[in-house]
Amino acid sequence: MKHVYRVLVPSHRPDPFVVWPALIGDIVHNLRSALNHLAWQLVLSEGNSPGSWTEFPVFADENVFGEKAGRKVRGIPADIVTYLEAIQPFHSPEGKERDGHPLWLIHELNRVDKHQVINVVASSLSANAFEVLPHMKSRRSVPGRLVDNKVVAEILTHEPVNSDHDFDFQVEVEIVFDQAPFADLPVLGTLELCFTTVYPLIVQPLGAHVLALLAAGREPPL
């Protein structure tokens, strides 16, 4: 006779991620602000005056970029505007690849954070159950979101397990986003991708432009 034992996520448990939305929101807001500061300084570097319209452009649609980006980048050097256009999300293929573009993720996460909570949830990558029973037949992990009453593992035995036997159960998890369009993307991996994209965006165009000003004998803006 076969006996099946399941490991479940308990219901009505405390939310371990209550502070995560605020931390994520702070990170993406700072990243988006860094891009806007970049746009502001690029306008100043040309001796022009930025304003409330000045913004680092992020667009997933090429037509919308053509209609609206001009006002946002007014006063920025033409060669830098060409560079900004070249790195836009709309150059990515349609669908998930575009939705996963780092600039689009920063823009959308920041937008969502302004109006609602950025929800996250734990998701199991793999689960392993070990026990001392010689009559254990098999075990199986069930990856997926760790929601209430979720089955994360099943153990099949030939004989019933009594209370004297212990299962040493371990599960590997990661924290993922819980809402579209970035649902199921890993939080830490996504934020790392965003950061490692923004940093060279700031250093390369702004740094190169400031160096050019110095070479020309002009003082860069502080």
N, C-alpha and C. Protein backbone atom coordinates (compact mmCIF):
# COMPACT_ATOMS: atom_id res chain seq x y z
N MET A 1 0.84 -1.20 0.00
CA MET A 1 0.00 0.00 0.00
C MET A 1 0.88 1.25 0.00
N LYS A 2 0.51 2.22 -0.80
CA LYS A 2 1.28 3.45 -0.90
C LYS A 2 0.67 4.53 -0.01
N HIS A 3 1.55 5.34 0.55
CA HIS A 3 1.13 6.45 1.41
C HIS A 3 1.79 7.73 0.90
N VAL A 4 0.99 8.77 0.74
CA VAL A 4 1.49 10.04 0.23
C VAL A 4 1.42 11.09 1.33
N TYR A 5 2.55 11.77 1.54
CA TYR A 5 2.62 12.85 2.53
C TYR A 5 3.01 14.14 1.79
N ARG A 6 2.33 15.22 2.12
CA ARG A 6 2.55 16.49 1.45
C ARG A 6 3.03 17.55 2.43
N VAL A 7 3.93 18.39 1.96
CA VAL A 7 4.40 19.55 2.72
C VAL A 7 3.68 20.77 2.17
N LEU A 8 2.94 21.49 3.02
CA LEU A 8 2.13 22.62 2.60
C LEU A 8 2.62 23.91 3.23
N VAL A 9 2.37 25.01 2.54
CA VAL A 9 2.61 26.33 3.11
C VAL A 9 1.46 26.64 4.06
N PRO A 10 1.75 27.01 5.30
CA PRO A 10 0.65 27.28 6.24
C PRO A 10 -0.13 28.52 5.84
N SER A 11 -1.39 28.53 6.16
CA SER A 11 -2.22 29.71 5.91
C SER A 11 -2.22 30.62 7.13
N HIS A 12 -2.66 31.86 6.92
CA HIS A 12 -2.75 32.86 8.01
C HIS A 12 -1.40 33.05 8.71
N ARG A 13 -0.34 33.03 7.91
CA ARG A 13 0.99 33.26 8.47
C ARG A 13 1.34 34.75 8.36
N PRO A 14 2.25 35.26 9.17
CA PRO A 14 2.66 36.66 9.06
C PRO A 14 3.31 36.93 7.70
N ASP A 15 3.12 38.13 7.19
CA ASP A 15 3.74 38.51 5.91
C ASP A 15 5.20 38.88 6.17
N PRO A 16 6.15 38.08 5.65
CA PRO A 16 7.57 38.38 5.93
C PRO A 16 8.12 39.48 5.04
N PHE A 17 7.32 39.97 4.08
CA PHE A 17 7.83 40.93 3.11
C PHE A 17 7.17 42.29 3.24
N VAL A 18 6.70 42.62 4.42
CA VAL A 18 5.91 43.83 4.60
C VAL A 18 6.74 45.09 4.29
N VAL A 19 8.06 45.06 4.50
CA VAL A 19 8.88 46.25 4.24
C VAL A 19 9.47 46.27 2.83
N TRP A 20 9.36 45.18 2.11
CA TRP A 20 9.97 45.11 0.79
C TRP A 20 9.41 46.14 -0.20
N PRO A 21 8.10 46.35 -0.28
CA PRO A 21 7.59 47.33 -1.24
C PRO A 21 8.19 48.72 -1.05
N ALA A 22 8.33 49.16 0.21
CA ALA A 22 8.90 50.49 0.46
C ALA A 22 10.36 50.55 0.03
N LEU A 23 11.10 49.50 0.29
CA LEU A 23 12.52 49.47 -0.11
C LEU A 23 12.67 49.45 -1.62
N ILE A 24 11.87 48.63 -2.29
CA ILE A 24 11.92 48.55 -3.75
C ILE A 24 11.53 49.90 -4.36
N GLY A 25 10.47 50.51 -3.82
CA GLY A 25 10.02 51.80 -4.32
C GLY A 25 11.10 52.86 -4.18
N ASP A 26 11.81 52.85 -3.07
CA ASP A 26 12.88 53.82 -2.85
C ASP A 26 14.01 53.61 -3.86
N ILE A 27 14.35 52.36 -4.13
CA ILE A 27 15.43 52.06 -5.07
C ILE A 27 15.07 52.52 -6.49
N VAL A 28 13.88 52.13 -6.97
CA VAL A 28 13.53 52.47 -8.35
C VAL A 28 13.30 53.98 -8.50
N HIS A 29 12.81 54.63 -7.44
CA HIS A 29 12.65 56.09 -7.50
C HIS A 29 14.01 56.76 -7.63
N ASN A 30 15.00 56.30 -6.88
CA ASN A 30 16.33 56.87 -6.98
C ASN A 30 16.95 56.64 -8.34
N LEU A 31 16.73 55.45 -8.91
CA LEU A 31 17.26 55.17 -10.25
C LEU A 31 16.62 56.08 -11.29
N ARG A 32 15.29 56.22 -11.21
CA ARG A 32 14.60 57.10 -12.17
C ARG A 32 15.02 58.54 -11.99
N SER A 33 15.20 58.96 -10.75
CA SER A 33 15.64 60.34 -10.47
C SER A 33 17.04 60.58 -11.01
N ALA A 34 17.92 59.58 -10.91
CA ALA A 34 19.28 59.72 -11.43
C ALA A 34 19.24 59.98 -12.93
N LEU A 35 18.35 59.30 -13.65
CA LEU A 35 18.23 59.53 -15.08
C LEU A 35 17.74 60.94 -15.37
N ASN A 36 16.77 61.42 -14.57
CA ASN A 36 16.27 62.78 -14.78
C ASN A 36 17.32 63.83 -14.43
N HIS A 37 18.13 63.56 -13.41
CA HIS A 37 19.24 64.47 -13.09
C HIS A 37 20.23 64.52 -14.24
N LEU A 38 20.45 63.38 -14.87
CA LEU A 38 21.34 63.33 -16.03
C LEU A 38 20.82 64.25 -17.13
N ALA A 39 19.54 64.16 -17.43
CA ALA A 39 18.95 65.01 -18.47
C ALA A 39 19.11 66.49 -18.10
N TRP A 40 18.86 66.81 -16.85
CA TRP A 40 18.95 68.20 -16.37
C TRP A 40 20.38 68.75 -16.56
N GLN A 41 21.38 67.96 -16.15
CA GLN A 41 22.77 68.40 -16.26
C GLN A 41 23.23 68.51 -17.71
N LEU A 42 22.72 67.65 -18.58
CA LEU A 42 23.09 67.73 -19.98
C LEU A 42 22.57 69.02 -20.62
N VAL A 43 21.39 69.47 -20.21
CA VAL A 43 20.87 70.75 -20.69
C VAL A 43 21.75 71.89 -20.19
N LEU A 44 22.08 71.87 -18.91
CA LEU A 44 22.92 72.92 -18.34
C LEU A 44 24.29 72.96 -18.99
N SER A 45 24.82 71.80 -19.35
CA SER A 45 26.18 71.73 -19.90
C SER A 45 26.29 72.46 -21.23
N GLU A 46 25.17 72.67 -21.89
CA GLU A 46 25.17 73.40 -23.16
C GLU A 46 24.85 74.88 -22.97
N GLY A 47 24.74 75.29 -21.70
CA GLY A 47 24.39 76.68 -21.44
C GLY A 47 22.91 76.97 -21.62
N ASN A 48 22.12 75.92 -21.71
CA ASN A 48 20.67 76.09 -21.86
C ASN A 48 19.97 76.02 -20.51
N SER A 49 18.70 76.34 -20.50
CA SER A 49 17.93 76.36 -19.25
C SER A 49 16.94 75.19 -19.23
N PRO A 50 17.13 74.23 -18.32
CA PRO A 50 16.14 73.15 -18.17
C PRO A 50 14.89 73.67 -17.48
N GLY A 51 13.84 72.88 -17.52
CA GLY A 51 12.60 73.28 -16.87
C GLY A 51 11.80 72.08 -16.43
N SER A 52 10.55 72.32 -16.08
CA SER A 52 9.69 71.23 -15.60
C SER A 52 9.48 70.17 -16.68
N TRP A 53 9.70 70.52 -17.94
CA TRP A 53 9.55 69.58 -19.05
C TRP A 53 10.77 68.67 -19.22
N THR A 54 11.89 69.03 -18.61
CA THR A 54 13.14 68.27 -18.81
C THR A 54 13.04 66.92 -18.12
N GLU A 55 13.30 65.88 -18.87
CA GLU A 55 13.17 64.52 -18.33
C GLU A 55 13.95 63.55 -19.21
N PHE A 56 14.51 62.54 -18.57
CA PHE A 56 15.15 61.48 -19.34
C PHE A 56 14.04 60.68 -20.03
N PRO A 57 14.06 60.59 -21.35
CA PRO A 57 12.96 59.92 -22.05
C PRO A 57 13.05 58.40 -21.95
N VAL A 58 11.92 57.77 -21.67
CA VAL A 58 11.81 56.31 -21.69
C VAL A 58 10.49 55.96 -22.37
N PHE A 59 10.58 55.32 -23.54
CA PHE A 59 9.38 55.01 -24.31
C PHE A 59 9.46 53.59 -24.87
N ALA A 60 8.33 52.93 -24.82
CA ALA A 60 8.23 51.59 -25.40
C ALA A 60 7.64 51.63 -26.80
N ASP A 61 7.21 52.81 -27.25
CA ASP A 61 6.60 52.96 -28.57
C ASP A 61 7.36 54.03 -29.35
N GLU A 62 7.84 53.67 -30.53
CA GLU A 62 8.65 54.60 -31.32
C GLU A 62 7.85 55.82 -31.76
N ASN A 63 6.59 55.63 -32.10
CA ASN A 63 5.76 56.76 -32.54
C ASN A 63 5.54 57.76 -31.41
N VAL A 64 5.31 57.23 -30.20
CA VAL A 64 5.12 58.11 -29.05
C VAL A 64 6.42 58.85 -28.73
N PHE A 65 7.54 58.17 -28.89
CA PHE A 65 8.83 58.83 -28.70
C PHE A 65 8.96 60.01 -29.65
N GLY A 66 8.61 59.80 -30.91
CA GLY A 66 8.70 60.87 -31.89
C GLY A 66 7.80 62.04 -31.57
N GLU A 67 6.66 61.77 -30.94
CA GLU A 67 5.70 62.83 -30.62
C GLU A 67 6.08 63.60 -29.36
N LYS A 68 6.62 62.90 -28.35
CA LYS A 68 6.75 63.51 -27.03
C LYS A 68 8.18 63.73 -26.54
N ALA A 69 9.15 63.01 -27.09
CA ALA A 69 10.51 63.08 -26.55
C ALA A 69 11.17 64.43 -26.80
N GLY A 70 10.81 65.08 -27.90
CA GLY A 70 11.47 66.34 -28.25
C GLY A 70 11.39 67.38 -27.14
N ARG A 71 10.24 67.48 -26.51
CA ARG A 71 10.08 68.47 -25.43
C ARG A 71 10.90 68.08 -24.21
N LYS A 72 10.96 66.80 -23.93
CA LYS A 72 11.69 66.34 -22.75
C LYS A 72 13.20 66.58 -22.86
N VAL A 73 13.73 66.48 -24.07
CA VAL A 73 15.18 66.58 -24.27
C VAL A 73 15.58 67.93 -24.85
N ARG A 74 14.69 68.90 -24.81
CA ARG A 74 15.00 70.22 -25.33
C ARG A 74 16.24 70.79 -24.65
N GLY A 75 17.22 71.21 -25.45
CA GLY A 75 18.44 71.79 -24.90
C GLY A 75 19.58 70.80 -24.71
N ILE A 76 19.31 69.51 -24.89
CA ILE A 76 20.36 68.49 -24.78
C ILE A 76 21.08 68.40 -26.12
N PRO A 77 22.40 68.24 -26.12
CA PRO A 77 23.15 68.15 -27.38
C PRO A 77 22.59 67.07 -28.30
N ALA A 78 22.61 67.35 -29.60
CA ALA A 78 22.01 66.46 -30.57
C ALA A 78 22.63 65.07 -30.56
N ASP A 79 23.96 64.99 -30.36
CA ASP A 79 24.60 63.67 -30.37
C ASP A 79 24.17 62.84 -29.17
N ILE A 80 23.92 63.49 -28.04
CA ILE A 80 23.44 62.77 -26.86
C ILE A 80 21.99 62.34 -27.06
N VAL A 81 21.18 63.18 -27.71
CA VAL A 81 19.80 62.80 -28.01
C VAL A 81 19.78 61.57 -28.91
N THR A 82 20.68 61.51 -29.87
CA THR A 82 20.77 60.34 -30.75
C THR A 82 21.10 59.10 -29.94
N TYR A 83 22.01 59.25 -28.97
CA TYR A 83 22.37 58.12 -28.11
C TYR A 83 21.18 57.68 -27.26
N LEU A 84 20.45 58.64 -26.70
CA LEU A 84 19.29 58.31 -25.88
C LEU A 84 18.22 57.59 -26.70
N GLU A 85 18.05 58.01 -27.95
CA GLU A 85 17.08 57.35 -28.81
C GLU A 85 17.49 55.90 -29.09
N ALA A 86 18.79 55.67 -29.23
CA ALA A 86 19.29 54.34 -29.59
C ALA A 86 19.10 53.31 -28.48
N ILE A 87 18.97 53.76 -27.23
CA ILE A 87 18.87 52.81 -26.11
C ILE A 87 17.44 52.66 -25.61
N GLN A 88 16.47 53.19 -26.35
CA GLN A 88 15.08 53.13 -25.92
C GLN A 88 14.53 51.71 -25.96
N PRO A 89 13.60 51.38 -25.06
CA PRO A 89 12.99 50.04 -25.03
C PRO A 89 12.28 49.65 -26.33
N PHE A 90 11.81 50.63 -27.12
CA PHE A 90 11.07 50.26 -28.32
C PHE A 90 11.96 49.60 -29.38
N HIS A 91 13.27 49.63 -29.18
CA HIS A 91 14.15 48.92 -30.09
C HIS A 91 14.20 47.41 -29.79
N SER A 92 13.69 47.02 -28.62
CA SER A 92 13.64 45.60 -28.28
C SER A 92 12.47 44.94 -29.01
N PRO A 93 12.53 43.63 -29.22
CA PRO A 93 11.40 42.94 -29.86
C PRO A 93 10.13 43.10 -29.04
N GLU A 94 9.00 42.94 -29.69
CA GLU A 94 7.72 43.06 -29.00
C GLU A 94 7.58 41.98 -27.93
N GLY A 95 6.78 42.28 -26.92
CA GLY A 95 6.48 41.28 -25.91
C GLY A 95 7.39 41.35 -24.71
N LYS A 96 7.74 40.18 -24.18
CA LYS A 96 8.43 40.12 -22.89
C LYS A 96 9.82 40.72 -22.95
N GLU A 97 10.51 40.60 -24.11
CA GLU A 97 11.86 41.15 -24.17
C GLU A 97 11.83 42.66 -24.01
N ARG A 98 10.82 43.31 -24.58
CA ARG A 98 10.68 44.75 -24.40
C ARG A 98 10.28 45.06 -22.96
N ASP A 99 9.33 44.29 -22.43
CA ASP A 99 8.88 44.51 -21.06
C ASP A 99 10.00 44.29 -20.05
N GLY A 100 10.99 43.49 -20.42
CA GLY A 100 12.11 43.23 -19.53
C GLY A 100 13.29 44.15 -19.75
N HIS A 101 13.13 45.16 -20.61
CA HIS A 101 14.20 46.12 -20.85
C HIS A 101 14.46 46.91 -19.56
N PRO A 102 15.72 47.04 -19.14
CA PRO A 102 16.00 47.69 -17.85
C PRO A 102 15.41 49.09 -17.71
N LEU A 103 15.51 49.90 -18.75
CA LEU A 103 14.95 51.24 -18.66
C LEU A 103 13.43 51.21 -18.49
N TRP A 104 12.78 50.29 -19.20
CA TRP A 104 11.32 50.19 -19.09
C TRP A 104 10.93 49.68 -17.71
N LEU A 105 11.71 48.76 -17.16
CA LEU A 105 11.43 48.26 -15.82
C LEU A 105 11.55 49.39 -14.79
N ILE A 106 12.58 50.20 -14.90
CA ILE A 106 12.75 51.32 -13.98
C ILE A 106 11.56 52.28 -14.10
N HIS A 107 11.22 52.61 -15.33
CA HIS A 107 10.12 53.54 -15.58
C HIS A 107 8.81 53.01 -15.03
N GLU A 108 8.50 51.75 -15.33
CA GLU A 108 7.22 51.18 -14.92
C GLU A 108 7.16 50.92 -13.42
N LEU A 109 8.23 50.41 -12.84
CA LEU A 109 8.23 50.18 -11.39
C LEU A 109 8.08 51.49 -10.64
N ASN A 110 8.73 52.53 -11.12
CA ASN A 110 8.59 53.84 -10.48
C ASN A 110 7.18 54.37 -10.63
N ARG A 111 6.58 54.16 -11.82
CA ARG A 111 5.22 54.62 -12.05
C ARG A 111 4.23 53.88 -11.14
N VAL A 112 4.38 52.57 -11.06
CA VAL A 112 3.49 51.78 -10.20
C VAL A 112 3.63 52.20 -8.74
N ASP A 113 4.87 52.42 -8.30
CA ASP A 113 5.11 52.78 -6.90
C ASP A 113 4.47 54.11 -6.53
N LYS A 114 4.26 54.98 -7.50
CA LYS A 114 3.63 56.27 -7.21
C LYS A 114 2.15 56.13 -6.87
N HIS A 115 1.53 55.05 -7.33
CA HIS A 115 0.08 54.93 -7.22
C HIS A 115 -0.39 53.73 -6.41
N GLN A 116 0.46 52.73 -6.25
CA GLN A 116 0.05 51.54 -5.52
C GLN A 116 1.26 50.83 -4.95
N VAL A 117 0.99 49.85 -4.12
CA VAL A 117 2.07 49.08 -3.49
C VAL A 117 2.64 48.10 -4.51
N ILE A 118 3.97 48.01 -4.55
CA ILE A 118 4.63 47.00 -5.38
C ILE A 118 4.63 45.69 -4.60
N ASN A 119 3.80 44.76 -5.02
CA ASN A 119 3.67 43.51 -4.28
C ASN A 119 4.74 42.50 -4.68
N VAL A 120 5.21 41.76 -3.68
CA VAL A 120 6.17 40.69 -3.93
C VAL A 120 5.67 39.42 -3.23
N VAL A 121 6.18 38.29 -3.67
CA VAL A 121 5.79 37.01 -3.10
C VAL A 121 6.97 36.06 -3.20
N ALA A 122 7.04 35.11 -2.28
CA ALA A 122 8.09 34.09 -2.35
C ALA A 122 7.70 33.04 -3.36
N SER A 123 8.70 32.52 -4.05
CA SER A 123 8.49 31.46 -5.03
C SER A 123 9.59 30.44 -4.86
N SER A 124 9.21 29.16 -4.77
CA SER A 124 10.20 28.11 -4.56
C SER A 124 10.86 27.73 -5.88
N LEU A 125 12.19 27.64 -5.83
CA LEU A 125 12.95 27.20 -7.00
C LEU A 125 13.08 25.69 -7.01
N SER A 126 13.33 25.15 -5.83
CA SER A 126 13.46 23.70 -5.70
C SER A 126 13.19 23.33 -4.26
N ALA A 127 12.76 22.12 -4.05
CA ALA A 127 12.49 21.65 -2.69
C ALA A 127 13.00 20.23 -2.57
N ASN A 128 13.56 19.90 -1.41
CA ASN A 128 14.08 18.57 -1.17
C ASN A 128 13.65 18.08 0.20
N ALA A 129 13.15 16.90 0.28
CA ALA A 129 12.76 16.30 1.56
C ALA A 129 13.63 15.08 1.81
N PHE A 130 14.18 15.00 2.98
CA PHE A 130 15.02 13.86 3.34
C PHE A 130 14.46 13.22 4.60
N GLU A 131 14.46 11.93 4.66
CA GLU A 131 13.97 11.24 5.84
C GLU A 131 14.75 9.94 6.02
N VAL A 132 14.65 9.39 7.16
CA VAL A 132 15.45 8.22 7.53
C VAL A 132 14.75 6.91 7.21
N LEU A 133 13.55 6.97 6.64
CA LEU A 133 12.79 5.75 6.41
C LEU A 133 13.35 4.94 5.25
N PRO A 134 13.68 3.67 5.48
CA PRO A 134 14.19 2.86 4.38
C PRO A 134 13.12 2.50 3.36
N HIS A 135 11.85 2.60 3.76
CA HIS A 135 10.78 2.20 2.85
C HIS A 135 10.21 3.38 2.05
N MET A 136 10.92 4.52 2.08
CA MET A 136 10.49 5.63 1.25
C MET A 136 10.61 5.24 -0.22
N LYS A 137 9.60 5.49 -1.01
CA LYS A 137 9.61 5.12 -2.42
C LYS A 137 10.13 6.26 -3.30
N SER A 138 9.60 7.46 -3.11
CA SER A 138 10.02 8.58 -3.94
C SER A 138 9.65 9.90 -3.28
N ARG A 139 10.17 10.97 -3.82
CA ARG A 139 9.81 12.31 -3.36
C ARG A 139 9.80 13.22 -4.58
N ARG A 140 9.04 14.28 -4.48
CA ARG A 140 8.87 15.19 -5.61
C ARG A 140 8.68 16.60 -5.09
N SER A 141 9.43 17.55 -5.65
CA SER A 141 9.24 18.95 -5.30
C SER A 141 8.28 19.59 -6.28
N VAL A 142 7.57 20.61 -5.82
CA VAL A 142 6.56 21.29 -6.64
C VAL A 142 6.90 22.78 -6.64
N PRO A 143 7.72 23.24 -7.60
CA PRO A 143 8.09 24.67 -7.63
C PRO A 143 6.88 25.55 -7.85
N GLY A 144 6.99 26.79 -7.46
CA GLY A 144 5.91 27.76 -7.68
C GLY A 144 5.78 28.71 -6.52
N ARG A 145 4.83 29.60 -6.61
CA ARG A 145 4.64 30.62 -5.58
C ARG A 145 4.20 29.98 -4.27
N LEU A 146 4.77 30.50 -3.19
CA LEU A 146 4.47 29.95 -1.87
C LEU A 146 3.26 30.67 -1.28
N VAL A 147 2.10 30.37 -1.82
CA VAL A 147 0.86 30.96 -1.34
C VAL A 147 0.23 30.02 -0.31
N ASP A 148 -0.80 30.50 0.37
CA ASP A 148 -1.45 29.70 1.40
C ASP A 148 -1.87 28.33 0.87
N ASN A 149 -1.53 27.30 1.65
CA ASN A 149 -1.90 25.91 1.36
C ASN A 149 -1.26 25.34 0.09
N LYS A 150 -0.23 26.02 -0.40
CA LYS A 150 0.48 25.53 -1.57
C LYS A 150 1.26 24.25 -1.21
N VAL A 151 1.12 23.22 -2.02
CA VAL A 151 1.90 22.00 -1.84
C VAL A 151 3.28 22.22 -2.45
N VAL A 152 4.32 22.10 -1.65
CA VAL A 152 5.68 22.32 -2.16
C VAL A 152 6.45 21.01 -2.30
N ALA A 153 5.96 19.94 -1.72
CA ALA A 153 6.64 18.65 -1.87
C ALA A 153 5.68 17.51 -1.54
N GLU A 154 5.94 16.39 -2.16
CA GLU A 154 5.19 15.17 -1.88
C GLU A 154 6.17 14.03 -1.65
N ILE A 155 5.90 13.24 -0.61
CA ILE A 155 6.75 12.08 -0.28
C ILE A 155 5.88 10.84 -0.34
N LEU A 156 6.33 9.86 -1.08
CA LEU A 156 5.60 8.61 -1.25
C LEU A 156 6.33 7.50 -0.50
N THR A 157 5.60 6.78 0.36
CA THR A 157 6.20 5.69 1.12
C THR A 157 5.38 4.42 0.96
N HIS A 158 6.03 3.29 1.25
CA HIS A 158 5.33 2.01 1.22
C HIS A 158 4.58 1.75 2.52
N GLU A 159 5.05 2.37 3.59
CA GLU A 159 4.44 2.17 4.91
C GLU A 159 4.07 3.51 5.51
N PRO A 160 3.10 3.56 6.38
CA PRO A 160 2.73 4.83 7.01
C PRO A 160 3.85 5.37 7.88
N VAL A 161 3.93 6.68 7.98
CA VAL A 161 4.92 7.34 8.82
C VAL A 161 4.27 7.68 10.14
N ASN A 162 4.92 7.31 11.23
CA ASN A 162 4.37 7.66 12.55
C ASN A 162 5.12 8.87 13.10
N SER A 163 4.70 9.31 14.25
CA SER A 163 5.23 10.55 14.83
C SER A 163 6.68 10.43 15.26
N ASP A 164 7.23 9.22 15.28
CA ASP A 164 8.63 9.06 15.68
C ASP A 164 9.61 9.37 14.54
N HIS A 165 9.10 9.54 13.35
CA HIS A 165 9.96 9.80 12.21
C HIS A 165 9.93 11.28 11.85
N ASP A 166 11.10 11.83 11.61
CA ASP A 166 11.21 13.25 11.27
C ASP A 166 11.59 13.40 9.80
N PHE A 167 11.04 14.43 9.18
CA PHE A 167 11.43 14.81 7.84
C PHE A 167 12.29 16.07 7.93
N ASP A 168 13.47 15.98 7.37
CA ASP A 168 14.33 17.16 7.30
C ASP A 168 14.06 17.84 5.96
N PHE A 169 13.19 18.84 5.98
CA PHE A 169 12.74 19.45 4.73
C PHE A 169 13.42 20.80 4.53
N GLN A 170 13.96 21.02 3.32
CA GLN A 170 14.61 22.28 2.98
C GLN A 170 14.05 22.76 1.65
N VAL A 171 13.85 24.06 1.53
CA VAL A 171 13.32 24.62 0.29
C VAL A 171 14.13 25.86 -0.07
N GLU A 172 14.49 25.96 -1.32
CA GLU A 172 15.20 27.14 -1.83
C GLU A 172 14.18 28.07 -2.47
N VAL A 173 14.20 29.33 -2.06
CA VAL A 173 13.19 30.27 -2.55
C VAL A 173 13.86 31.53 -3.08
N GLU A 174 13.12 32.26 -3.88
CA GLU A 174 13.51 33.61 -4.26
C GLU A 174 12.26 34.49 -4.21
N ILE A 175 12.47 35.80 -4.11
CA ILE A 175 11.37 36.74 -4.02
C ILE A 175 11.10 37.29 -5.42
N VAL A 176 9.84 37.22 -5.85
CA VAL A 176 9.48 37.66 -7.19
C VAL A 176 8.40 38.73 -7.12
N PHE A 177 8.29 39.51 -8.18
CA PHE A 177 7.21 40.50 -8.27
C PHE A 177 5.88 39.78 -8.49
N ASP A 178 4.81 40.41 -7.98
CA ASP A 178 3.51 39.75 -7.98
C ASP A 178 2.47 40.48 -8.82
N GLN A 179 2.91 41.35 -9.74
CA GLN A 179 1.94 42.06 -10.55
C GLN A 179 2.51 42.34 -11.94
N ALA A 180 1.61 42.39 -12.91
CA ALA A 180 2.01 42.66 -14.30
C ALA A 180 2.52 44.10 -14.42
N PRO A 181 3.42 44.38 -15.35
CA PRO A 181 3.93 43.48 -16.38
C PRO A 181 5.22 42.75 -15.98
N PHE A 182 5.59 42.85 -14.70
CA PHE A 182 6.83 42.22 -14.28
C PHE A 182 6.60 41.06 -13.32
N ALA A 183 5.41 40.46 -13.38
CA ALA A 183 5.08 39.33 -12.51
C ALA A 183 6.07 38.19 -12.72
N ASP A 184 6.50 37.61 -11.60
CA ASP A 184 7.39 36.45 -11.55
C ASP A 184 8.85 36.78 -11.88
N LEU A 185 9.16 38.04 -12.16
CA LEU A 185 10.57 38.40 -12.32
C LEU A 185 11.21 38.44 -10.94
N PRO A 186 12.43 37.92 -10.77
CA PRO A 186 13.08 37.95 -9.46
C PRO A 186 13.41 39.37 -9.05
N VAL A 187 13.06 39.73 -7.83
CA VAL A 187 13.25 41.11 -7.37
C VAL A 187 14.72 41.50 -7.37
N LEU A 188 15.56 40.72 -6.72
CA LEU A 188 16.97 41.10 -6.60
C LEU A 188 17.67 41.12 -7.95
N GLY A 189 17.40 40.12 -8.78
CA GLY A 189 18.03 40.08 -10.10
C GLY A 189 17.58 41.24 -10.97
N THR A 190 16.30 41.62 -10.87
CA THR A 190 15.77 42.72 -11.67
C THR A 190 16.38 44.05 -11.24
N LEU A 191 16.46 44.28 -9.93
CA LEU A 191 17.03 45.53 -9.43
C LEU A 191 18.52 45.62 -9.77
N GLU A 192 19.22 44.50 -9.70
CA GLU A 192 20.64 44.49 -10.07
C GLU A 192 20.81 44.82 -11.56
N LEU A 193 19.95 44.24 -12.40
CA LEU A 193 19.99 44.53 -13.83
C LEU A 193 19.74 46.01 -14.08
N CYS A 194 18.75 46.57 -13.39
CA CYS A 194 18.44 47.99 -13.57
C CYS A 194 19.62 48.87 -13.16
N PHE A 195 20.23 48.55 -12.03
CA PHE A 195 21.34 49.37 -11.54
C PHE A 195 22.53 49.30 -12.48
N THR A 196 22.88 48.10 -12.91
CA THR A 196 24.05 47.95 -13.77
C THR A 196 23.81 48.53 -15.16
N THR A 197 22.56 48.83 -15.50
CA THR A 197 22.26 49.52 -16.75
C THR A 197 22.33 51.02 -16.57
N VAL A 198 21.77 51.53 -15.48
CA VAL A 198 21.74 52.97 -15.24
C VAL A 198 23.14 53.54 -15.03
N TYR A 199 23.99 52.83 -14.33
CA TYR A 199 25.32 53.37 -14.01
C TYR A 199 26.10 53.74 -15.26
N PRO A 200 26.26 52.84 -16.23
CA PRO A 200 26.98 53.25 -17.44
C PRO A 200 26.24 54.30 -18.25
N LEU A 201 24.92 54.33 -18.14
CA LEU A 201 24.17 55.37 -18.84
C LEU A 201 24.54 56.76 -18.31
N ILE A 202 24.80 56.83 -17.01
CA ILE A 202 25.18 58.11 -16.41
C ILE A 202 26.64 58.42 -16.69
N VAL A 203 27.51 57.45 -16.47
CA VAL A 203 28.95 57.67 -16.58
C VAL A 203 29.38 57.94 -18.02
N GLN A 204 28.88 57.16 -18.96
CA GLN A 204 29.37 57.27 -20.33
C GLN A 204 28.94 58.56 -21.04
N PRO A 205 27.64 58.83 -21.19
CA PRO A 205 27.30 60.05 -21.93
C PRO A 205 27.63 61.33 -21.19
N LEU A 206 27.34 61.39 -19.90
CA LEU A 206 27.61 62.61 -19.15
C LEU A 206 29.10 62.81 -18.98
N GLY A 207 29.82 61.72 -18.60
CA GLY A 207 31.26 61.84 -18.41
C GLY A 207 31.97 62.25 -19.67
N ALA A 208 31.61 61.65 -20.80
CA ALA A 208 32.25 61.99 -22.07
C ALA A 208 31.96 63.44 -22.45
N HIS A 209 30.76 63.88 -22.18
CA HIS A 209 30.39 65.25 -22.54
C HIS A 209 31.13 66.26 -21.66
N VAL A 210 31.24 65.98 -20.37
CA VAL A 210 31.96 66.88 -19.46
C VAL A 210 33.44 66.94 -19.84
N LEU A 211 34.04 65.80 -20.18
CA LEU A 211 35.44 65.78 -20.61
C LEU A 211 35.64 66.62 -21.87
N ALA A 212 34.67 66.57 -22.75
CA ALA A 212 34.75 67.37 -23.97
C ALA A 212 34.71 68.86 -23.63
N LEU A 213 33.90 69.23 -22.64
CA LEU A 213 33.85 70.63 -22.22
C LEU A 213 35.18 71.08 -21.64
N LEU A 214 35.79 70.21 -20.84
CA LEU A 214 37.09 70.55 -20.25
C LEU A 214 38.15 70.71 -21.33
N ALA A 215 38.12 69.83 -22.32
CA ALA A 215 39.09 69.91 -23.41
C ALA A 215 38.94 71.20 -24.21
N ALA A 216 37.71 71.71 -24.25
CA ALA A 216 37.44 72.94 -24.97
C ALA A 216 37.68 74.18 -24.11
N GLY A 217 38.09 73.95 -22.85
CA GLY A 217 38.38 75.06 -21.96
C GLY A 217 37.15 75.63 -21.29
N ARG A 218 36.05 74.91 -21.30
CA ARG A 218 34.83 75.36 -20.64
C ARG A 218 34.67 74.65 -19.31
N GLU A 219 34.08 75.33 -18.37
CA GLU A 219 33.84 74.75 -17.06
C GLU A 219 32.56 73.91 -17.08
N PRO A 220 32.61 72.66 -16.65
CA PRO A 220 31.38 71.87 -16.57
C PRO A 220 30.50 72.34 -15.44
N PRO A 221 29.20 72.15 -15.52
CA PRO A 221 28.30 72.57 -14.44
C PRO A 221 28.52 71.71 -13.21
N LEU A 222 28.32 72.30 -12.05
CA LEU A 222 28.45 71.54 -10.80
C LEU A 222 27.14 70.89 -10.48
